[in-house]
Amino acid sequence: MSPIDRFKAACSVTDFAKAPNTTGGYTVWSVTTIVKGGRSDIDGPYFTAEEAAISAELLTSIDKFAKPQASTHCSVWNPDPRREKAIRDDARASRMLLAMQLGTQIPNHGADSAPRS
């Protein structure tokens, strides 16, 4: 599958996946690289592993250590509705920027994409 096809398939997911074995936890994907012996985020957050993998593939041309990485966030550990909204807004923005890098648009999988009579 081409990166664009993979991206379009990943766009059917509109929120973070629930993290197993947590209460209120969810998995957030990002792209990381090696910085001073540790790993540091260079892109993301993303809703899906596939989006992060596509981004990492694009970034390997300038950073051979770029790789997708998952982290668990939990709204129960530190409740803050503004943070929960911000991370989702950031993931939507990352998705939009990835679409631009791929030269495509974000497909609309919602009710708005249904044919109208």
N, C-alpha and C. Protein backbone atom coordinates (compact mmCIF):
# COMPACT_ATOMS: atom_id res chain seq x y z
N MET A 1 0.84 -1.19 0.00
CA MET A 1 0.00 0.00 0.00
C MET A 1 0.88 1.24 0.00
N SER A 2 0.44 2.25 -0.71
CA SER A 2 1.20 3.50 -0.75
C SER A 2 1.00 4.27 0.56
N PRO A 3 1.89 5.20 0.87
CA PRO A 3 1.71 6.01 2.08
C PRO A 3 0.38 6.77 2.08
N ILE A 4 -0.08 7.22 0.93
CA ILE A 4 -1.35 7.95 0.87
C ILE A 4 -2.51 7.02 1.19
N ASP A 5 -2.49 5.81 0.66
CA ASP A 5 -3.55 4.85 0.97
C ASP A 5 -3.54 4.49 2.44
N ARG A 6 -2.37 4.28 2.99
CA ARG A 6 -2.25 3.98 4.43
C ARG A 6 -2.76 5.14 5.26
N PHE A 7 -2.43 6.36 4.85
CA PHE A 7 -2.87 7.56 5.57
C PHE A 7 -4.40 7.67 5.54
N LYS A 8 -4.98 7.47 4.36
CA LYS A 8 -6.43 7.57 4.25
C LYS A 8 -7.13 6.52 5.12
N ALA A 9 -6.58 5.33 5.18
CA ALA A 9 -7.15 4.29 6.04
C ALA A 9 -7.03 4.67 7.52
N ALA A 10 -5.89 5.26 7.90
CA ALA A 10 -5.68 5.66 9.29
C ALA A 10 -6.62 6.79 9.70
N CYS A 11 -7.05 7.59 8.74
CA CYS A 11 -7.92 8.72 9.06
C CYS A 11 -9.32 8.31 9.46
N SER A 12 -9.67 7.03 9.32
CA SER A 12 -10.97 6.57 9.79
C SER A 12 -11.04 6.57 11.32
N VAL A 13 -9.89 6.60 11.96
CA VAL A 13 -9.81 6.67 13.43
C VAL A 13 -9.84 8.13 13.83
N THR A 14 -10.77 8.50 14.72
CA THR A 14 -10.92 9.91 15.08
C THR A 14 -10.61 10.21 16.54
N ASP A 15 -10.15 9.22 17.29
CA ASP A 15 -9.74 9.47 18.67
C ASP A 15 -8.67 8.44 19.03
N PHE A 16 -8.03 8.67 20.15
CA PHE A 16 -6.98 7.76 20.59
C PHE A 16 -7.57 6.42 21.03
N ALA A 17 -6.82 5.36 20.81
CA ALA A 17 -7.25 4.02 21.23
C ALA A 17 -7.10 3.88 22.74
N LYS A 18 -8.02 3.15 23.33
CA LYS A 18 -7.92 2.90 24.77
C LYS A 18 -6.70 2.06 25.07
N ALA A 19 -5.98 2.44 26.11
CA ALA A 19 -4.80 1.68 26.52
C ALA A 19 -5.25 0.50 27.39
N PRO A 20 -4.72 -0.67 27.11
CA PRO A 20 -5.12 -1.83 27.91
C PRO A 20 -4.64 -1.71 29.36
N ASN A 21 -5.38 -2.29 30.25
CA ASN A 21 -5.02 -2.37 31.67
C ASN A 21 -4.90 -1.01 32.35
N THR A 22 -5.64 0.00 31.85
CA THR A 22 -5.65 1.29 32.52
C THR A 22 -7.09 1.76 32.69
N THR A 23 -7.31 2.65 33.62
CA THR A 23 -8.61 3.27 33.80
C THR A 23 -8.54 4.66 33.19
N GLY A 24 -9.26 4.87 32.12
CA GLY A 24 -9.26 6.17 31.46
C GLY A 24 -8.01 6.46 30.65
N GLY A 25 -7.18 5.45 30.42
CA GLY A 25 -5.93 5.65 29.68
C GLY A 25 -6.11 5.47 28.18
N TYR A 26 -5.28 6.14 27.41
CA TYR A 26 -5.32 6.00 25.96
C TYR A 26 -3.91 6.12 25.41
N THR A 27 -3.72 5.54 24.22
CA THR A 27 -2.40 5.49 23.60
C THR A 27 -2.23 6.66 22.63
N VAL A 28 -1.15 7.39 22.82
CA VAL A 28 -0.81 8.53 21.96
C VAL A 28 0.47 8.17 21.22
N TRP A 29 0.47 8.35 19.90
CA TRP A 29 1.63 8.03 19.07
C TRP A 29 2.38 9.28 18.69
N SER A 30 3.68 9.19 18.64
CA SER A 30 4.53 10.31 18.21
C SER A 30 5.73 9.74 17.47
N VAL A 31 6.54 10.63 16.93
CA VAL A 31 7.79 10.23 16.28
C VAL A 31 8.91 10.77 17.15
N THR A 32 9.87 9.90 17.47
CA THR A 32 10.97 10.28 18.35
C THR A 32 12.31 10.09 17.64
N THR A 33 13.33 10.73 18.21
CA THR A 33 14.70 10.54 17.73
C THR A 33 15.63 10.51 18.93
N ILE A 34 16.87 10.15 18.69
CA ILE A 34 17.85 10.09 19.77
C ILE A 34 18.43 11.48 20.00
N VAL A 35 18.38 11.93 21.26
CA VAL A 35 18.95 13.21 21.66
C VAL A 35 19.70 13.00 22.97
N LYS A 36 21.00 13.23 22.95
CA LYS A 36 21.84 13.09 24.15
C LYS A 36 21.63 11.75 24.85
N GLY A 37 21.56 10.68 24.09
CA GLY A 37 21.45 9.34 24.66
C GLY A 37 20.05 8.91 25.01
N GLY A 38 19.07 9.79 24.92
CA GLY A 38 17.68 9.45 25.20
C GLY A 38 16.83 9.68 23.96
N ARG A 39 15.53 9.53 24.10
CA ARG A 39 14.64 9.76 22.97
C ARG A 39 13.82 11.02 23.24
N SER A 40 13.57 11.78 22.19
CA SER A 40 12.82 13.02 22.29
C SER A 40 11.82 13.10 21.14
N ASP A 41 10.62 13.62 21.42
CA ASP A 41 9.60 13.76 20.38
C ASP A 41 10.03 14.79 19.35
N ILE A 42 9.83 14.44 18.06
CA ILE A 42 10.10 15.40 17.00
C ILE A 42 8.87 15.63 16.13
N ASP A 43 7.84 14.81 16.28
CA ASP A 43 6.61 15.00 15.52
C ASP A 43 5.46 14.32 16.25
N GLY A 44 4.26 14.83 16.01
CA GLY A 44 3.07 14.26 16.64
C GLY A 44 2.48 15.24 17.61
N PRO A 45 1.50 14.84 18.32
CA PRO A 45 0.94 13.50 18.54
C PRO A 45 0.08 13.04 17.36
N TYR A 46 -0.10 11.73 17.29
CA TYR A 46 -0.96 11.13 16.27
C TYR A 46 -1.95 10.18 16.95
N PHE A 47 -3.11 10.02 16.30
CA PHE A 47 -4.13 9.10 16.80
C PHE A 47 -3.74 7.64 16.59
N THR A 48 -3.01 7.35 15.51
CA THR A 48 -2.74 5.95 15.17
C THR A 48 -1.25 5.68 14.97
N ALA A 49 -0.90 4.42 15.11
CA ALA A 49 0.47 3.98 14.86
C ALA A 49 0.84 4.17 13.40
N GLU A 50 -0.14 3.99 12.51
CA GLU A 50 0.13 4.11 11.08
C GLU A 50 0.52 5.54 10.70
N GLU A 51 -0.17 6.52 11.26
CA GLU A 51 0.20 7.92 10.99
C GLU A 51 1.62 8.20 11.46
N ALA A 52 1.94 7.73 12.66
CA ALA A 52 3.29 7.94 13.19
C ALA A 52 4.33 7.22 12.34
N ALA A 53 4.01 6.04 11.84
CA ALA A 53 4.95 5.29 11.00
C ALA A 53 5.19 6.01 9.68
N ILE A 54 4.14 6.55 9.07
CA ILE A 54 4.29 7.30 7.82
C ILE A 54 5.16 8.52 8.05
N SER A 55 4.89 9.25 9.14
CA SER A 55 5.69 10.43 9.45
C SER A 55 7.15 10.06 9.68
N ALA A 56 7.39 8.98 10.40
CA ALA A 56 8.77 8.54 10.66
C ALA A 56 9.47 8.18 9.35
N GLU A 57 8.76 7.52 8.44
CA GLU A 57 9.35 7.19 7.14
C GLU A 57 9.76 8.46 6.38
N LEU A 58 8.90 9.48 6.43
CA LEU A 58 9.23 10.74 5.75
C LEU A 58 10.42 11.43 6.42
N LEU A 59 10.49 11.33 7.74
CA LEU A 59 11.56 12.01 8.48
C LEU A 59 12.91 11.30 8.40
N THR A 60 12.92 10.02 8.05
CA THR A 60 14.19 9.31 8.01
C THR A 60 15.15 9.86 6.95
N SER A 61 14.63 10.63 6.00
CA SER A 61 15.52 11.24 5.01
C SER A 61 16.40 12.32 5.64
N ILE A 62 15.93 12.90 6.75
CA ILE A 62 16.73 13.92 7.44
C ILE A 62 17.21 13.47 8.83
N ASP A 63 16.61 12.39 9.34
CA ASP A 63 16.99 11.88 10.66
C ASP A 63 16.85 10.36 10.66
N LYS A 64 17.97 9.66 10.51
CA LYS A 64 17.91 8.21 10.38
C LYS A 64 17.44 7.50 11.66
N PHE A 65 17.36 8.21 12.77
CA PHE A 65 16.92 7.60 14.02
C PHE A 65 15.45 7.86 14.33
N ALA A 66 14.72 8.50 13.41
CA ALA A 66 13.29 8.76 13.63
C ALA A 66 12.52 7.44 13.65
N LYS A 67 11.68 7.27 14.66
CA LYS A 67 10.85 6.06 14.74
C LYS A 67 9.57 6.37 15.50
N PRO A 68 8.50 5.65 15.18
CA PRO A 68 7.24 5.86 15.90
C PRO A 68 7.33 5.28 17.31
N GLN A 69 6.68 5.95 18.24
CA GLN A 69 6.70 5.47 19.62
C GLN A 69 5.36 5.77 20.27
N ALA A 70 4.88 4.85 21.08
CA ALA A 70 3.61 5.00 21.79
C ALA A 70 3.86 5.42 23.23
N SER A 71 2.95 6.22 23.74
CA SER A 71 2.97 6.55 25.17
C SER A 71 1.53 6.49 25.66
N THR A 72 1.39 6.26 26.95
CA THR A 72 0.05 6.18 27.54
C THR A 72 -0.25 7.47 28.29
N HIS A 73 -1.36 8.07 27.95
CA HIS A 73 -1.85 9.25 28.66
C HIS A 73 -3.11 8.82 29.40
N CYS A 74 -3.37 9.45 30.52
CA CYS A 74 -4.53 9.05 31.31
C CYS A 74 -5.20 10.27 31.90
N SER A 75 -6.46 10.47 31.54
CA SER A 75 -7.21 11.62 32.04
C SER A 75 -7.53 11.48 33.53
N VAL A 76 -7.47 10.26 34.05
CA VAL A 76 -7.77 10.04 35.47
C VAL A 76 -6.58 10.41 36.36
N TRP A 77 -5.36 10.22 35.87
CA TRP A 77 -4.18 10.49 36.69
C TRP A 77 -4.03 11.97 37.01
N ASN A 78 -4.33 12.81 36.04
CA ASN A 78 -4.18 14.25 36.21
C ASN A 78 -5.30 14.94 35.43
N PRO A 79 -6.52 14.98 35.99
CA PRO A 79 -7.66 15.48 35.24
C PRO A 79 -7.51 16.97 34.88
N ASP A 80 -7.59 17.26 33.59
CA ASP A 80 -7.56 18.64 33.11
C ASP A 80 -8.23 18.66 31.74
N PRO A 81 -9.49 19.08 31.67
CA PRO A 81 -10.22 19.09 30.40
C PRO A 81 -9.52 19.90 29.31
N ARG A 82 -8.83 20.96 29.69
CA ARG A 82 -8.12 21.77 28.69
C ARG A 82 -6.98 20.97 28.06
N ARG A 83 -6.27 20.18 28.86
CA ARG A 83 -5.19 19.35 28.33
C ARG A 83 -5.73 18.27 27.41
N GLU A 84 -6.85 17.65 27.81
CA GLU A 84 -7.46 16.61 26.99
C GLU A 84 -7.90 17.18 25.64
N LYS A 85 -8.46 18.37 25.64
CA LYS A 85 -8.85 19.01 24.38
C LYS A 85 -7.62 19.39 23.57
N ALA A 86 -6.60 19.91 24.22
CA ALA A 86 -5.39 20.36 23.53
C ALA A 86 -4.67 19.21 22.83
N ILE A 87 -4.58 18.05 23.48
CA ILE A 87 -3.86 16.93 22.86
C ILE A 87 -4.61 16.43 21.63
N ARG A 88 -5.94 16.45 21.68
CA ARG A 88 -6.72 16.04 20.51
C ARG A 88 -6.63 17.07 19.39
N ASP A 89 -6.64 18.35 19.75
CA ASP A 89 -6.44 19.41 18.75
C ASP A 89 -5.06 19.28 18.10
N ASP A 90 -4.05 18.98 18.90
CA ASP A 90 -2.69 18.79 18.37
C ASP A 90 -2.63 17.60 17.42
N ALA A 91 -3.33 16.51 17.76
CA ALA A 91 -3.33 15.33 16.90
C ALA A 91 -4.04 15.63 15.58
N ARG A 92 -5.12 16.41 15.63
CA ARG A 92 -5.80 16.80 14.39
C ARG A 92 -4.89 17.69 13.54
N ALA A 93 -4.16 18.60 14.18
CA ALA A 93 -3.23 19.48 13.46
C ALA A 93 -2.08 18.66 12.85
N SER A 94 -1.56 17.68 13.59
CA SER A 94 -0.51 16.82 13.07
C SER A 94 -1.00 16.04 11.86
N ARG A 95 -2.25 15.59 11.93
CA ARG A 95 -2.85 14.86 10.80
C ARG A 95 -2.95 15.77 9.58
N MET A 96 -3.35 17.01 9.79
CA MET A 96 -3.48 17.96 8.69
C MET A 96 -2.11 18.24 8.04
N LEU A 97 -1.08 18.42 8.87
CA LEU A 97 0.26 18.67 8.35
C LEU A 97 0.81 17.45 7.60
N LEU A 98 0.52 16.26 8.10
CA LEU A 98 0.96 15.04 7.42
C LEU A 98 0.27 14.93 6.06
N ALA A 99 -1.01 15.28 6.00
CA ALA A 99 -1.73 15.26 4.72
C ALA A 99 -1.08 16.21 3.74
N MET A 100 -0.68 17.38 4.20
CA MET A 100 -0.02 18.35 3.33
C MET A 100 1.31 17.80 2.84
N GLN A 101 2.07 17.15 3.70
CA GLN A 101 3.36 16.57 3.30
C GLN A 101 3.17 15.49 2.25
N LEU A 102 2.07 14.76 2.34
CA LEU A 102 1.80 13.68 1.40
C LEU A 102 1.14 14.21 0.12
N GLY A 103 0.72 15.46 0.13
CA GLY A 103 0.06 16.05 -1.04
C GLY A 103 -1.37 15.57 -1.22
N THR A 104 -2.05 15.33 -0.12
CA THR A 104 -3.43 14.85 -0.17
C THR A 104 -4.26 15.64 0.84
N GLN A 105 -5.52 15.28 0.94
CA GLN A 105 -6.41 15.89 1.93
C GLN A 105 -6.87 14.83 2.91
N ILE A 106 -7.32 15.29 4.06
CA ILE A 106 -7.85 14.36 5.05
C ILE A 106 -9.22 13.90 4.56
N PRO A 107 -9.41 12.59 4.39
CA PRO A 107 -10.72 12.11 3.93
C PRO A 107 -11.78 12.33 5.00
N ASN A 108 -12.98 12.61 4.56
CA ASN A 108 -14.08 12.82 5.49
C ASN A 108 -14.86 11.52 5.61
N HIS A 109 -14.75 10.85 6.77
CA HIS A 109 -15.42 9.57 6.99
C HIS A 109 -16.73 9.73 7.74
N GLY A 110 -17.10 10.97 8.06
CA GLY A 110 -18.30 11.20 8.88
C GLY A 110 -19.57 11.24 8.05
N ALA A 111 -20.66 11.64 8.70
CA ALA A 111 -21.96 11.73 8.04
C ALA A 111 -21.96 12.78 6.94
N ASP A 112 -21.08 13.76 7.05
CA ASP A 112 -21.02 14.81 6.02
C ASP A 112 -20.58 14.25 4.68
N SER A 113 -19.89 13.11 4.66
CA SER A 113 -19.40 12.56 3.41
C SER A 113 -20.46 11.71 2.70
N ALA A 114 -21.60 11.47 3.35
CA ALA A 114 -22.65 10.67 2.74
C ALA A 114 -23.29 11.47 1.59
N PRO A 115 -23.70 10.78 0.54
CA PRO A 115 -24.33 11.49 -0.57
C PRO A 115 -25.61 12.15 -0.12
N ARG A 116 -25.86 13.31 -0.66
CA ARG A 116 -27.08 14.05 -0.31
C ARG A 116 -28.07 13.94 -1.46
N SER A 117 -29.33 13.89 -1.11
CA SER A 117 -30.34 13.78 -2.16
C SER A 117 -30.95 15.12 -2.50
